[in-house]
Amino acid sequence: MVLNSFEFRLQLCMMHVRILCTEEVWMGLNWTIACLIFITGMTAYFPVVYIRKTNKLMELLKQIEQNTKKP
């Protein structure tokens, strides 16, 4: 059977899909995606927490300053 160029490329693609779609590869991709989502979440979470703590600290320092001002 002689394959034309398109059919040959299609057969090659199908062979690659069979190779790439193994369970181990998909599990690896799932772990990779899960780790990326986790890292993204942490990089978004920590600055928010830091800013909130900094704002609370600034409010506390302002309150201390107001309470310790000499009349």
PDB file of N, CA and C in Angstrom:
ATOM      1  N   MET A   1       0.841  -1.174   0.000  1.00  0.00           N
ATOM      2  CA  MET A   1       0.000   0.000   0.000  1.00  0.00           C
ATOM      3  C   MET A   1       0.891   1.244   0.000  1.00  0.00           C
ATOM      4  N   VAL A   2       0.678   2.109  -0.930  1.00  0.00           N
ATOM      5  CA  VAL A   2       1.455   3.341  -1.049  1.00  0.00           C
ATOM      6  C   VAL A   2       0.631   4.475  -0.448  1.00  0.00           C
ATOM      7  N   LEU A   3       1.247   5.183   0.487  1.00  0.00           N
ATOM      8  CA  LEU A   3       0.560   6.296   1.137  1.00  0.00           C
ATOM      9  C   LEU A   3       1.006   7.601   0.509  1.00  0.00           C
ATOM     10  N   ASN A   4       0.043   8.470   0.251  1.00  0.00           N
ATOM     11  CA  ASN A   4       0.449   9.796  -0.207  1.00  0.00           C
ATOM     12  C   ASN A   4       0.957  10.588   0.992  1.00  0.00           C
ATOM     13  N   SER A   5       1.417  11.761   0.754  1.00  0.00           N
ATOM     14  CA  SER A   5       2.057  12.555   1.797  1.00  0.00           C
ATOM     15  C   SER A   5       1.110  12.815   2.973  1.00  0.00           C
ATOM     16  N   PHE A   6      -0.133  13.156   2.686  1.00  0.00           N
ATOM     17  CA  PHE A   6      -1.089  13.443   3.750  1.00  0.00           C
ATOM     18  C   PHE A   6      -1.372  12.198   4.587  1.00  0.00           C
ATOM     19  N   GLU A   7      -1.613  11.081   3.927  1.00  0.00           N
ATOM     20  CA  GLU A   7      -1.900   9.844   4.657  1.00  0.00           C
ATOM     21  C   GLU A   7      -0.707   9.420   5.499  1.00  0.00           C
ATOM     22  N   PHE A   8       0.482   9.605   4.972  1.00  0.00           N
ATOM     23  CA  PHE A   8       1.688   9.243   5.717  1.00  0.00           C
ATOM     24  C   PHE A   8       1.810  10.094   6.983  1.00  0.00           C
ATOM     25  N   ARG A   9       1.588  11.396   6.838  1.00  0.00           N
ATOM     26  CA  ARG A   9       1.649  12.277   8.007  1.00  0.00           C
ATOM     27  C   ARG A   9       0.561  11.930   9.012  1.00  0.00           C
ATOM     28  N   LEU A  10      -0.602  11.573   8.520  1.00  0.00           N
ATOM     29  CA  LEU A  10      -1.692  11.185   9.409  1.00  0.00           C
ATOM     30  C   LEU A  10      -1.329   9.922  10.184  1.00  0.00           C
ATOM     31  N   GLN A  11      -0.740   8.956   9.510  1.00  0.00           N
ATOM     32  CA  GLN A  11      -0.313   7.725  10.178  1.00  0.00           C
ATOM     33  C   GLN A  11       0.762   8.020  11.226  1.00  0.00           C
ATOM     34  N   LEU A  12       1.697   8.894  10.903  1.00  0.00           N
ATOM     35  CA  LEU A  12       2.726   9.269  11.878  1.00  0.00           C
ATOM     36  C   LEU A  12       2.106   9.943  13.100  1.00  0.00           C
ATOM     37  N   CYS A  13       1.153  10.828  12.863  1.00  0.00           N
ATOM     38  CA  CYS A  13       0.480  11.499  13.981  1.00  0.00           C
ATOM     39  C   CYS A  13      -0.247  10.496  14.864  1.00  0.00           C
ATOM     40  N   MET A  14      -0.914   9.545  14.253  1.00  0.00           N
ATOM     41  CA  MET A  14      -1.635   8.532  15.028  1.00  0.00           C
ATOM     42  C   MET A  14      -0.668   7.695  15.855  1.00  0.00           C
ATOM     43  N   MET A  15       0.500   7.384  15.296  1.00  0.00           N
ATOM     44  CA  MET A  15       1.499   6.626  16.051  1.00  0.00           C
ATOM     45  C   MET A  15       1.990   7.446  17.241  1.00  0.00           C
ATOM     46  N   HIS A  16       2.221   8.741  17.043  1.00  0.00           N
ATOM     47  CA  HIS A  16       2.667   9.593  18.142  1.00  0.00           C
ATOM     48  C   HIS A  16       1.598   9.709  19.215  1.00  0.00           C
ATOM     49  N   VAL A  17       0.347   9.808  18.808  1.00  0.00           N
ATOM     50  CA  VAL A  17      -0.741   9.902  19.780  1.00  0.00           C
ATOM     51  C   VAL A  17      -0.796   8.638  20.623  1.00  0.00           C
ATOM     52  N   ARG A  18      -0.631   7.495  20.000  1.00  0.00           N
ATOM     53  CA  ARG A  18      -0.639   6.241  20.765  1.00  0.00           C
ATOM     54  C   ARG A  18       0.519   6.201  21.750  1.00  0.00           C
ATOM     55  N   ILE A  19       1.664   6.724  21.350  1.00  0.00           N
ATOM     56  CA  ILE A  19       2.825   6.721  22.239  1.00  0.00           C
ATOM     57  C   ILE A  19       2.624   7.713  23.384  1.00  0.00           C
ATOM     58  N   LEU A  20       2.112   8.898  23.077  1.00  0.00           N
ATOM     59  CA  LEU A  20       1.993   9.952  24.079  1.00  0.00           C
ATOM     60  C   LEU A  20       0.824   9.766  25.030  1.00  0.00           C
ATOM     61  N   CYS A  21      -0.171   9.008  24.636  1.00  0.00           N
ATOM     62  CA  CYS A  21      -1.376   8.879  25.447  1.00  0.00           C
ATOM     63  C   CYS A  21      -1.314   7.687  26.391  1.00  0.00           C
ATOM     64  N   THR A  22      -0.160   7.399  26.923  1.00  0.00           N
ATOM     65  CA  THR A  22      -0.065   6.326  27.907  1.00  0.00           C
ATOM     66  C   THR A  22      -0.522   6.861  29.259  1.00  0.00           C
ATOM     67  N   GLU A  23      -0.870   5.961  30.130  1.00  0.00           N
ATOM     68  CA  GLU A  23      -1.374   6.369  31.443  1.00  0.00           C
ATOM     69  C   GLU A  23      -0.298   7.095  32.251  1.00  0.00           C
ATOM     70  N   GLU A  24       0.949   6.648  32.127  1.00  0.00           N
ATOM     71  CA  GLU A  24       2.027   7.280  32.884  1.00  0.00           C
ATOM     72  C   GLU A  24       2.219   8.735  32.463  1.00  0.00           C
ATOM     73  N   VAL A  25       2.123   8.977  31.165  1.00  0.00           N
ATOM     74  CA  VAL A  25       2.286  10.346  30.674  1.00  0.00           C
ATOM     75  C   VAL A  25       1.158  11.221  31.186  1.00  0.00           C
ATOM     76  N   TRP A  26      -0.073  10.722  31.140  1.00  0.00           N
ATOM     77  CA  TRP A  26      -1.208  11.522  31.607  1.00  0.00           C
ATOM     78  C   TRP A  26      -1.127  11.779  33.104  1.00  0.00           C
ATOM     79  N   MET A  27      -0.677  10.778  33.875  1.00  0.00           N
ATOM     80  CA  MET A  27      -0.529  10.991  35.316  1.00  0.00           C
ATOM     81  C   MET A  27       0.538  12.047  35.581  1.00  0.00           C
ATOM     82  N   GLY A  28       1.616  11.999  34.814  1.00  0.00           N
ATOM     83  CA  GLY A  28       2.655  13.016  34.956  1.00  0.00           C
ATOM     84  C   GLY A  28       2.137  14.397  34.621  1.00  0.00           C
ATOM     85  N   LEU A  29       1.330  14.490  33.573  1.00  0.00           N
ATOM     86  CA  LEU A  29       0.747  15.782  33.210  1.00  0.00           C
ATOM     87  C   LEU A  29      -0.209  16.270  34.288  1.00  0.00           C
ATOM     88  N   ASN A  30      -0.990  15.357  34.856  1.00  0.00           N
ATOM     89  CA  ASN A  30      -1.918  15.749  35.918  1.00  0.00           C
ATOM     90  C   ASN A  30      -1.160  16.318  37.112  1.00  0.00           C
ATOM     91  N   TRP A  31      -0.064  15.651  37.511  1.00  0.00           N
ATOM     92  CA  TRP A  31       0.736  16.142  38.634  1.00  0.00           C
ATOM     93  C   TRP A  31       1.378  17.482  38.304  1.00  0.00           C
ATOM     94  N   THR A  32       1.836  17.623  37.081  1.00  0.00           N
ATOM     95  CA  THR A  32       2.453  18.885  36.671  1.00  0.00           C
ATOM     96  C   THR A  32       1.438  20.019  36.724  1.00  0.00           C
ATOM     97  N   ILE A  33       0.260  19.780  36.202  1.00  0.00           N
ATOM     98  CA  ILE A  33      -0.786  20.806  36.219  1.00  0.00           C
ATOM     99  C   ILE A  33      -1.202  21.122  37.652  1.00  0.00           C
ATOM    100  N   ALA A  34      -1.329  20.098  38.486  1.00  0.00           N
ATOM    101  CA  ALA A  34      -1.699  20.321  39.885  1.00  0.00           C
ATOM    102  C   ALA A  34      -0.636  21.150  40.602  1.00  0.00           C
ATOM    103  N   CYS A  35       0.627  20.856  40.360  1.00  0.00           N
ATOM    104  CA  CYS A  35       1.706  21.625  40.990  1.00  0.00           C
ATOM    105  C   CYS A  35       1.712  23.072  40.506  1.00  0.00           C
ATOM    106  N   LEU A  36       1.485  23.268  39.220  1.00  0.00           N
ATOM    107  CA  LEU A  36       1.442  24.636  38.696  1.00  0.00           C
ATOM    108  C   LEU A  36       0.292  25.428  39.307  1.00  0.00           C
ATOM    109  N   ILE A  37      -0.858  24.792  39.456  1.00  0.00           N
ATOM    110  CA  ILE A  37      -2.004  25.470  40.076  1.00  0.00           C
ATOM    111  C   ILE A  37      -1.698  25.793  41.535  1.00  0.00           C
ATOM    112  N   PHE A  38      -1.067  24.860  42.243  1.00  0.00           N
ATOM    113  CA  PHE A  38      -0.709  25.076  43.645  1.00  0.00           C
ATOM    114  C   PHE A  38       0.282  26.233  43.786  1.00  0.00           C
ATOM    115  N   ILE A  39       1.317  26.231  42.962  1.00  0.00           N
ATOM    116  CA  ILE A  39       2.326  27.294  43.025  1.00  0.00           C
ATOM    117  C   ILE A  39       1.703  28.645  42.689  1.00  0.00           C
ATOM    118  N   THR A  40       0.836  28.666  41.691  1.00  0.00           N
ATOM    119  CA  THR A  40       0.157  29.910  41.326  1.00  0.00           C
ATOM    120  C   THR A  40      -0.710  30.407  42.478  1.00  0.00           C
ATOM    121  N   GLY A  41      -1.411  29.491  43.115  1.00  0.00           N
ATOM    122  CA  GLY A  41      -2.239  29.874  44.258  1.00  0.00           C
ATOM    123  C   GLY A  41      -1.420  30.432  45.403  1.00  0.00           C
ATOM    124  N   MET A  42      -0.283  29.799  45.684  1.00  0.00           N
ATOM    125  CA  MET A  42       0.572  30.276  46.771  1.00  0.00           C
ATOM    126  C   MET A  42       1.166  31.647  46.455  1.00  0.00           C
ATOM    127  N   THR A  43       1.573  31.849  45.210  1.00  0.00           N
ATOM    128  CA  THR A  43       2.147  33.153  44.863  1.00  0.00           C
ATOM    129  C   THR A  43       1.094  34.253  44.891  1.00  0.00           C
ATOM    130  N   ALA A  44      -0.160  33.899  44.749  1.00  0.00           N
ATOM    131  CA  ALA A  44      -1.225  34.896  44.871  1.00  0.00           C
ATOM    132  C   ALA A  44      -1.629  35.086  46.329  1.00  0.00           C
ATOM    133  N   TYR A  45      -1.553  34.030  47.144  1.00  0.00           N
ATOM    134  CA  TYR A  45      -2.031  34.065  48.526  1.00  0.00           C
ATOM    135  C   TYR A  45      -1.074  34.827  49.446  1.00  0.00           C
ATOM    136  N   PHE A  46       0.216  34.530  49.360  1.00  0.00           N
ATOM    137  CA  PHE A  46       1.156  35.109  50.314  1.00  0.00           C
ATOM    138  C   PHE A  46       1.255  36.633  50.233  1.00  0.00           C
ATOM    139  N   PRO A  47       1.295  37.245  49.056  1.00  0.00           N
ATOM    140  CA  PRO A  47       1.307  38.717  49.052  1.00  0.00           C
ATOM    141  C   PRO A  47       0.048  39.327  49.663  1.00  0.00           C
ATOM    142  N   VAL A  48      -1.093  38.707  49.449  1.00  0.00           N
ATOM    143  CA  VAL A  48      -2.341  39.217  50.025  1.00  0.00           C
ATOM    144  C   VAL A  48      -2.271  39.162  51.542  1.00  0.00           C
ATOM    145  N   VAL A  49      -1.797  38.048  52.087  1.00  0.00           N
ATOM    146  CA  VAL A  49      -1.674  37.914  53.542  1.00  0.00           C
ATOM    147  C   VAL A  49      -0.664  38.920  54.075  1.00  0.00           C
ATOM    148  N   TYR A  50       0.455  39.078  53.383  1.00  0.00           N
ATOM    149  CA  TYR A  50       1.487  40.022  53.822  1.00  0.00           C
ATOM    150  C   TYR A  50       0.945  41.447  53.839  1.00  0.00           C
ATOM    151  N   ILE A  51       0.211  41.820  52.807  1.00  0.00           N
ATOM    152  CA  ILE A  51      -0.355  43.169  52.739  1.00  0.00           C
ATOM    153  C   ILE A  51      -1.363  43.377  53.860  1.00  0.00           C
ATOM    154  N   ARG A  52      -2.185  42.384  54.127  1.00  0.00           N
ATOM    155  CA  ARG A  52      -3.168  42.523  55.214  1.00  0.00           C
ATOM    156  C   ARG A  52      -2.473  42.677  56.558  1.00  0.00           C
ATOM    157  N   LYS A  53      -1.428  41.862  56.793  1.00  0.00           N
ATOM    158  CA  LYS A  53      -0.702  41.969  58.064  1.00  0.00           C
ATOM    159  C   LYS A  53       0.007  43.313  58.161  1.00  0.00           C
ATOM    160  N   THR A  54       0.563  43.781  57.056  1.00  0.00           N
ATOM    161  CA  THR A  54       1.239  45.075  57.054  1.00  0.00           C
ATOM    162  C   THR A  54       0.244  46.191  57.349  1.00  0.00           C
ATOM    163  N   ASN A  55      -0.941  46.120  56.766  1.00  0.00           N
ATOM    164  CA  ASN A  55      -1.963  47.138  57.030  1.00  0.00           C
ATOM    165  C   ASN A  55      -2.380  47.125  58.492  1.00  0.00           C
ATOM    166  N   LYS A  56      -2.535  45.938  59.069  1.00  0.00           N
ATOM    167  CA  LYS A  56      -2.898  45.850  60.487  1.00  0.00           C
ATOM    168  C   LYS A  56      -1.785  46.416  61.354  1.00  0.00           C
ATOM    169  N   LEU A  57      -0.539  46.133  60.991  1.00  0.00           N
ATOM    170  CA  LEU A  57       0.598  46.650  61.743  1.00  0.00           C
ATOM    171  C   LEU A  57       0.657  48.175  61.653  1.00  0.00           C
ATOM    172  N   MET A  58       0.410  48.717  60.471  1.00  0.00           N
ATOM    173  CA  MET A  58       0.418  50.173  60.302  1.00  0.00           C
ATOM    174  C   MET A  58      -0.691  50.821  61.131  1.00  0.00           C
ATOM    175  N   GLU A  59      -1.866  50.213  61.152  1.00  0.00           N
ATOM    176  CA  GLU A  59      -2.964  50.746  61.965  1.00  0.00           C
ATOM    177  C   GLU A  59      -2.601  50.708  63.448  1.00  0.00           C
ATOM    178  N   LEU A  60      -1.967  49.623  63.882  1.00  0.00           N
ATOM    179  CA  LEU A  60      -1.555  49.499  65.273  1.00  0.00           C
ATOM    180  C   LEU A  60      -0.519  50.563  65.623  1.00  0.00           C
ATOM    181  N   LEU A  61       0.447  50.784  64.742  1.00  0.00           N
ATOM    182  CA  LEU A  61       1.461  51.809  64.995  1.00  0.00           C
ATOM    183  C   LEU A  61       0.844  53.209  65.040  1.00  0.00           C
ATOM    184  N   LYS A  62      -0.123  53.480  64.173  1.00  0.00           N
ATOM    185  CA  LYS A  62      -0.805  54.777  64.198  1.00  0.00           C
ATOM    186  C   LYS A  62      -1.573  54.959  65.502  1.00  0.00           C
ATOM    187  N   GLN A  63      -2.201  53.872  65.959  1.00  0.00           N
ATOM    188  CA  GLN A  63      -2.950  53.942  67.208  1.00  0.00           C
ATOM    189  C   GLN A  63      -1.998  54.189  68.378  1.00  0.00           C
ATOM    190  N   ILE A  64      -0.856  53.518  68.374  1.00  0.00           N
ATOM    191  CA  ILE A  64       0.133  53.730  69.439  1.00  0.00           C
ATOM    192  C   ILE A  64       0.639  55.171  69.398  1.00  0.00           C
ATOM    193  N   GLU A  65       0.873  55.677  68.198  1.00  0.00           N
ATOM    194  CA  GLU A  65       1.344  57.060  68.052  1.00  0.00           C
ATOM    195  C   GLU A  65       0.317  58.047  68.604  1.00  0.00           C
ATOM    196  N   GLN A  66      -0.952  57.816  68.293  1.00  0.00           N
ATOM    197  CA  GLN A  66      -2.000  58.713  68.783  1.00  0.00           C
ATOM    198  C   GLN A  66      -2.133  58.628  70.298  1.00  0.00           C
ATOM    199  N   ASN A  67      -1.988  57.429  70.845  1.00  0.00           N
ATOM    200  CA  ASN A  67      -2.140  57.256  72.292  1.00  0.00           C
ATOM    201  C   ASN A  67      -0.955  57.818  73.069  1.00  0.00           C
ATOM    202  N   THR A  68       0.205  57.901  72.435  1.00  0.00           N
ATOM    203  CA  THR A  68       1.392  58.361  73.161  1.00  0.00           C
ATOM    204  C   THR A  68       1.751  59.815  72.864  1.00  0.00           C
ATOM    205  N   LYS A  69       0.938  60.512  72.066  1.00  0.00           N
ATOM    206  CA  LYS A  69       1.209  61.928  71.790  1.00  0.00           C
ATOM    207  C   LYS A  69       1.055  62.742  73.066  1.00  0.00           C
ATOM    208  N   LYS A  70       1.967  63.685  73.211  1.00  0.00           N
ATOM    209  CA  LYS A  70       1.861  64.585  74.356  1.00  0.00           C
ATOM    210  C   LYS A  70       0.930  65.734  73.976  1.00  0.00           C
ATOM    211  N   PRO A  71       0.039  66.090  74.882  1.00  0.00           N
ATOM    212  CA  PRO A  71      -0.910  67.179  74.571  1.00  0.00           C
ATOM    213  C   PRO A  71      -0.262  68.547  74.548  1.00  0.00           C
TER     214      PRO A  71
END
